[in-house]
Amino acid sequence: MRFVICGAGALGGVLGGQLARADFAVILIDTWPAHVAAINTHGLRLAGVLGQHTVRIPAVVHASAVDFQPDDVLILAVETLHCEGAVTALRRATRLELPLFCAQNGVTSEGIAARYFQQVTAMTVPIGAKCLVPGDVIVSGTPGGVGAARTPPVWMKAGDTVEISPQTNLGVALK
């Protein structure tokens, strides 16, 4: 079994990285060429509540570059607004009826995916993550958007760091 993850940013990067760390075969698809190049050159770097890890995972920009196999499992981890384009590209790249798991924050992704694939399952992933620079994913462990509710909103930027307490697994963003 191999996991083909469409969307290798924050959530897809964490899922792919953790699956690869558990010795599953993984391939990442992401439309950000610089991110794909960084992953292929230096590996996918995960930092945060799960520790610091660099994982070697093959990555491609287009689904058509994947040699799909009958035992592949698809994980869709793109933003909901990119769902239609992503599943269209996956369907064009393979005629195999592969299981597809939707790992997005939204309620419409499964319906969109079901127009292209027969075995569609929603999944909940209770982690927060950010991809701020190509090849790097920060795993915060808290629900995304927590800073959005503040006045004014608080967002992490490139160069910000997070300190994680080993006792609580909670992080504090440092500017």
C-alpha atoms as a PDB file:
ATOM      1  CA  MET A   1       0.000   0.000   0.000  1.00  0.00           C
ATOM      2  CA  ARG A   2       1.185   3.483  -0.868  1.00  0.00           C
ATOM      3  CA  PHE A   3      -0.345   6.801   0.193  1.00  0.00           C
ATOM      4  CA  VAL A   4      -0.635   9.413  -2.549  1.00  0.00           C
ATOM      5  CA  ILE A   5      -1.215  12.760  -0.872  1.00  0.00           C
ATOM      6  CA  CYS A   6      -2.609  15.537  -3.026  1.00  0.00           C
ATOM      7  CA  GLY A   7      -1.699  18.797  -1.304  1.00  0.00           C
ATOM      8  CA  ALA A   8       1.650  18.667   0.506  1.00  0.00           C
ATOM      9  CA  GLY A   9       1.374  21.940   2.400  1.00  0.00           C
ATOM     10  CA  ALA A  10       0.523  22.131   6.077  1.00  0.00           C
ATOM     11  CA  LEU A  11      -1.863  19.228   6.682  1.00  0.00           C
ATOM     12  CA  GLY A  12      -0.758  17.094   3.739  1.00  0.00           C
ATOM     13  CA  GLY A  13       2.874  17.596   4.710  1.00  0.00           C
ATOM     14  CA  VAL A  14       2.217  16.446   8.275  1.00  0.00           C
ATOM     15  CA  LEU A  15       0.207  13.420   7.143  1.00  0.00           C
ATOM     16  CA  GLY A  16       2.782  12.449   4.526  1.00  0.00           C
ATOM     17  CA  GLY A  17       5.698  13.009   6.858  1.00  0.00           C
ATOM     18  CA  GLN A  18       4.206  10.992   9.699  1.00  0.00           C
ATOM     19  CA  LEU A  19       3.164   8.150   7.384  1.00  0.00           C
ATOM     20  CA  ALA A  20       6.682   8.038   5.908  1.00  0.00           C
ATOM     21  CA  ARG A  21       8.190   8.064   9.412  1.00  0.00           C
ATOM     22  CA  ALA A  22       6.008   5.005  10.149  1.00  0.00           C
ATOM     23  CA  ASP A  23       7.579   3.269   7.118  1.00  0.00           C
ATOM     24  CA  PHE A  24       4.633   3.596   4.752  1.00  0.00           C
ATOM     25  CA  ALA A  25       5.328   4.366   1.110  1.00  0.00           C
ATOM     26  CA  VAL A  26       4.240   7.931   0.339  1.00  0.00           C
ATOM     27  CA  ILE A  27       4.296  10.244  -2.660  1.00  0.00           C
ATOM     28  CA  LEU A  28       3.316  13.903  -2.436  1.00  0.00           C
ATOM     29  CA  ILE A  29       1.600  15.985  -5.102  1.00  0.00           C
ATOM     30  CA  ASP A  30       1.695  19.759  -4.742  1.00  0.00           C
ATOM     31  CA  THR A  31       1.258  22.548  -7.284  1.00  0.00           C
ATOM     32  CA  TRP A  32       3.847  24.834  -5.612  1.00  0.00           C
ATOM     33  CA  PRO A  33       7.004  24.091  -7.656  1.00  0.00           C
ATOM     34  CA  ALA A  34       9.398  25.592  -5.076  1.00  0.00           C
ATOM     35  CA  HIS A  35       7.900  23.405  -2.319  1.00  0.00           C
ATOM     36  CA  VAL A  36       8.188  20.260  -4.452  1.00  0.00           C
ATOM     37  CA  ALA A  37      11.785  21.147  -5.411  1.00  0.00           C
ATOM     38  CA  ALA A  38      12.740  21.726  -1.756  1.00  0.00           C
ATOM     39  CA  ILE A  39      11.185  18.411  -0.672  1.00  0.00           C
ATOM     40  CA  ASN A  40      12.982  16.519  -3.444  1.00  0.00           C
ATOM     41  CA  THR A  41      16.303  18.273  -2.745  1.00  0.00           C
ATOM     42  CA  HIS A  42      16.430  18.450   1.061  1.00  0.00           C
ATOM     43  CA  GLY A  43      13.513  16.304   2.253  1.00  0.00           C
ATOM     44  CA  LEU A  44      10.333  17.437   3.983  1.00  0.00           C
ATOM     45  CA  ARG A  45      11.205  19.114   7.282  1.00  0.00           C
ATOM     46  CA  LEU A  46       8.672  18.827  10.108  1.00  0.00           C
ATOM     47  CA  ALA A  47       9.087  20.905  13.270  1.00  0.00           C
ATOM     48  CA  GLY A  48       6.871  21.400  16.293  1.00  0.00           C
ATOM     49  CA  VAL A  49       4.963  19.261  18.741  1.00  0.00           C
ATOM     50  CA  LEU A  50       6.030  16.063  16.957  1.00  0.00           C
ATOM     51  CA  GLY A  51       9.719  16.943  17.250  1.00  0.00           C
ATOM     52  CA  GLN A  52      12.087  17.891  14.458  1.00  0.00           C
ATOM     53  CA  HIS A  53      12.359  15.470  11.560  1.00  0.00           C
ATOM     54  CA  THR A  54      13.518  15.514   7.969  1.00  0.00           C
ATOM     55  CA  VAL A  55      11.819  12.869   5.850  1.00  0.00           C
ATOM     56  CA  ARG A  56      12.771  11.830   2.337  1.00  0.00           C
ATOM     57  CA  ILE A  57       9.553  11.595   0.334  1.00  0.00           C
ATOM     58  CA  PRO A  58       9.221  11.841  -3.452  1.00  0.00           C
ATOM     59  CA  ALA A  59       7.145  14.825  -4.560  1.00  0.00           C
ATOM     60  CA  VAL A  60       5.707  15.861  -7.917  1.00  0.00           C
ATOM     61  CA  VAL A  61       3.932  18.957  -9.218  1.00  0.00           C
ATOM     62  CA  HIS A  62       1.366  17.130 -11.363  1.00  0.00           C
ATOM     63  CA  ALA A  63      -0.764  14.061 -10.635  1.00  0.00           C
ATOM     64  CA  SER A  64       0.036  12.872 -14.161  1.00  0.00           C
ATOM     65  CA  ALA A  65       3.641  12.256 -12.995  1.00  0.00           C
ATOM     66  CA  VAL A  66       2.468   9.516 -10.594  1.00  0.00           C
ATOM     67  CA  ASP A  67       2.438   5.882 -11.721  1.00  0.00           C
ATOM     68  CA  PHE A  68      -0.755   4.935  -9.868  1.00  0.00           C
ATOM     69  CA  GLN A  69      -1.041   1.374  -8.562  1.00  0.00           C
ATOM     70  CA  PRO A  70      -4.164  -0.656  -7.641  1.00  0.00           C
ATOM     71  CA  ASP A  71      -3.279  -0.626  -3.920  1.00  0.00           C
ATOM     72  CA  ASP A  72      -2.725   3.159  -3.688  1.00  0.00           C
ATOM     73  CA  VAL A  73      -4.745   5.201  -1.193  1.00  0.00           C
ATOM     74  CA  LEU A  74      -5.469   8.834  -2.042  1.00  0.00           C
ATOM     75  CA  ILE A  75      -5.559  11.560   0.592  1.00  0.00           C
ATOM     76  CA  LEU A  76      -6.902  14.922  -0.506  1.00  0.00           C
ATOM     77  CA  ALA A  77      -5.373  17.676   1.622  1.00  0.00           C
ATOM     78  CA  VAL A  78      -5.909  20.792  -0.470  1.00  0.00           C
ATOM     79  CA  GLU A  79      -7.975  23.816   0.487  1.00  0.00           C
ATOM     80  CA  THR A  80     -11.642  23.257  -0.333  1.00  0.00           C
ATOM     81  CA  LEU A  81     -11.550  25.946  -3.030  1.00  0.00           C
ATOM     82  CA  HIS A  82      -8.927  23.831  -4.868  1.00  0.00           C
ATOM     83  CA  CYS A  83     -10.811  20.540  -4.412  1.00  0.00           C
ATOM     84  CA  GLU A  84     -12.480  20.431  -7.834  1.00  0.00           C
ATOM     85  CA  GLY A  85      -9.231  21.051  -9.692  1.00  0.00           C
ATOM     86  CA  ALA A  86      -7.334  18.528  -7.571  1.00  0.00           C
ATOM     87  CA  VAL A  87      -9.813  15.674  -7.997  1.00  0.00           C
ATOM     88  CA  THR A  88     -10.139  16.457 -11.708  1.00  0.00           C
ATOM     89  CA  ALA A  89      -6.346  16.152 -12.059  1.00  0.00           C
ATOM     90  CA  LEU A  90      -6.323  12.908 -10.061  1.00  0.00           C
ATOM     91  CA  ARG A  91      -9.116  11.396 -12.161  1.00  0.00           C
ATOM     92  CA  ARG A  92      -7.374  12.387 -15.403  1.00  0.00           C
ATOM     93  CA  ALA A  93      -4.154  10.800 -14.122  1.00  0.00           C
ATOM     94  CA  THR A  94      -5.714   7.423 -13.247  1.00  0.00           C
ATOM     95  CA  ARG A  95      -8.736   5.381 -14.232  1.00  0.00           C
ATOM     96  CA  LEU A  96      -8.239   3.122 -11.193  1.00  0.00           C
ATOM     97  CA  GLU A  97     -11.014   3.203  -8.597  1.00  0.00           C
ATOM     98  CA  LEU A  98      -8.880   4.111  -5.613  1.00  0.00           C
ATOM     99  CA  PRO A  99     -10.134   4.981  -2.136  1.00  0.00           C
ATOM    100  CA  LEU A 100      -9.978   8.719  -1.504  1.00  0.00           C
ATOM    101  CA  PHE A 101      -9.925  10.296   1.955  1.00  0.00           C
ATOM    102  CA  CYS A 102     -10.831  13.988   2.268  1.00  0.00           C
ATOM    103  CA  ALA A 103      -8.742  15.710   4.932  1.00  0.00           C
ATOM    104  CA  GLN A 104      -9.937  19.283   4.449  1.00  0.00           C
ATOM    105  CA  ASN A 105     -11.620  21.799   6.676  1.00  0.00           C
ATOM    106  CA  GLY A 106     -14.922  22.063   4.886  1.00  0.00           C
ATOM    107  CA  VAL A 107     -18.211  20.339   4.350  1.00  0.00           C
ATOM    108  CA  THR A 108     -18.382  20.268   0.565  1.00  0.00           C
ATOM    109  CA  SER A 109     -15.193  18.417  -0.365  1.00  0.00           C
ATOM    110  CA  GLU A 110     -16.622  14.924  -0.047  1.00  0.00           C
ATOM    111  CA  GLY A 111     -19.492  15.722  -2.415  1.00  0.00           C
ATOM    112  CA  ILE A 112     -17.109  17.185  -4.985  1.00  0.00           C
ATOM    113  CA  ALA A 113     -14.733  14.216  -4.713  1.00  0.00           C
ATOM    114  CA  ALA A 114     -17.631  11.743  -4.980  1.00  0.00           C
ATOM    115  CA  ARG A 115     -18.385  13.051  -8.478  1.00  0.00           C
ATOM    116  CA  TYR A 116     -14.990  11.662  -9.556  1.00  0.00           C
ATOM    117  CA  PHE A 117     -14.280   8.713  -7.233  1.00  0.00           C
ATOM    118  CA  GLN A 118     -16.590   6.015  -5.859  1.00  0.00           C
ATOM    119  CA  GLN A 119     -14.899   5.341  -2.496  1.00  0.00           C
ATOM    120  CA  VAL A 120     -14.817   8.727  -0.741  1.00  0.00           C
ATOM    121  CA  THR A 121     -14.420   9.035   3.021  1.00  0.00           C
ATOM    122  CA  ALA A 122     -14.226  12.143   5.199  1.00  0.00           C
ATOM    123  CA  MET A 123     -11.546  12.227   7.852  1.00  0.00           C
ATOM    124  CA  THR A 124     -10.894  14.558  10.749  1.00  0.00           C
ATOM    125  CA  VAL A 125      -7.326  15.498  11.580  1.00  0.00           C
ATOM    126  CA  PRO A 126      -7.208  17.425  14.874  1.00  0.00           C
ATOM    127  CA  ILE A 127      -3.884  19.180  14.346  1.00  0.00           C
ATOM    128  CA  GLY A 128      -2.777  22.605  13.334  1.00  0.00           C
ATOM    129  CA  ALA A 129       0.056  23.155  10.912  1.00  0.00           C
ATOM    130  CA  LYS A 130       1.535  25.851   8.696  1.00  0.00           C
ATOM    131  CA  CYS A 131       3.749  25.736   5.644  1.00  0.00           C
ATOM    132  CA  LEU A 132       5.530  29.094   5.553  1.00  0.00           C
ATOM    133  CA  VAL A 133       8.536  28.318   3.371  1.00  0.00           C
ATOM    134  CA  PRO A 134       9.138  25.637   0.734  1.00  0.00           C
ATOM    135  CA  GLY A 135       9.976  22.257   2.221  1.00  0.00           C
ATOM    136  CA  ASP A 136       9.149  23.153   5.848  1.00  0.00           C
ATOM    137  CA  VAL A 137       5.995  22.399   7.841  1.00  0.00           C
ATOM    138  CA  ILE A 138       5.385  23.640  11.384  1.00  0.00           C
ATOM    139  CA  VAL A 139       3.107  21.413  13.465  1.00  0.00           C
ATOM    140  CA  SER A 140       1.448  23.511  16.149  1.00  0.00           C
ATOM    141  CA  GLY A 141      -0.911  20.929  17.594  1.00  0.00           C
ATOM    142  CA  THR A 142      -3.668  23.486  18.037  1.00  0.00           C
ATOM    143  CA  PRO A 143      -6.684  24.104  15.826  1.00  0.00           C
ATOM    144  CA  GLY A 144      -5.920  26.364  12.902  1.00  0.00           C
ATOM    145  CA  GLY A 145      -7.304  29.874  13.045  1.00  0.00           C
ATOM    146  CA  VAL A 146      -6.921  30.407  16.795  1.00  0.00           C
ATOM    147  CA  GLY A 147      -5.047  33.651  16.107  1.00  0.00           C
ATOM    148  CA  ALA A 148      -7.751  34.751  13.665  1.00  0.00           C
ATOM    149  CA  ALA A 149     -10.205  35.264  16.535  1.00  0.00           C
ATOM    150  CA  ARG A 150      -7.959  37.792  18.270  1.00  0.00           C
ATOM    151  CA  THR A 151      -8.302  41.551  17.869  1.00  0.00           C
ATOM    152  CA  PRO A 152      -6.224  42.320  15.913  1.00  0.00           C
ATOM    153  CA  PRO A 153      -5.678  38.892  14.322  1.00  0.00           C
ATOM    154  CA  VAL A 154      -2.354  37.194  15.108  1.00  0.00           C
ATOM    155  CA  TRP A 155      -0.608  35.186  12.395  1.00  0.00           C
ATOM    156  CA  MET A 156       2.745  33.430  12.364  1.00  0.00           C
ATOM    157  CA  LYS A 157       5.302  34.721   9.880  1.00  0.00           C
ATOM    158  CA  ALA A 158       8.528  33.374   8.437  1.00  0.00           C
ATOM    159  CA  GLY A 159      11.172  33.509  11.159  1.00  0.00           C
ATOM    160  CA  ASP A 160       8.709  33.100  14.057  1.00  0.00           C
ATOM    161  CA  THR A 161       9.401  30.196  16.383  1.00  0.00           C
ATOM    162  CA  VAL A 162       7.254  28.030  18.624  1.00  0.00           C
ATOM    163  CA  GLU A 163       8.383  26.638  21.980  1.00  0.00           C
ATOM    164  CA  ILE A 164       6.659  23.395  22.935  1.00  0.00           C
ATOM    165  CA  SER A 165       6.296  22.225  26.525  1.00  0.00           C
ATOM    166  CA  PRO A 166       7.151  18.510  26.762  1.00  0.00           C
ATOM    167  CA  GLN A 167       4.839  18.225  29.782  1.00  0.00           C
ATOM    168  CA  THR A 168       1.730  19.603  28.090  1.00  0.00           C
ATOM    169  CA  ASN A 169       2.502  19.437  24.330  1.00  0.00           C
ATOM    170  CA  LEU A 170       1.240  23.019  24.144  1.00  0.00           C
ATOM    171  CA  GLY A 171       3.148  25.604  22.172  1.00  0.00           C
ATOM    172  CA  VAL A 172       3.849  29.286  22.653  1.00  0.00           C
ATOM    173  CA  ALA A 173       4.619  31.366  19.558  1.00  0.00           C
ATOM    174  CA  LEU A 174       7.639  33.616  20.009  1.00  0.00           C
ATOM    175  CA  LYS A 175       8.157  36.664  17.824  1.00  0.00           C
END
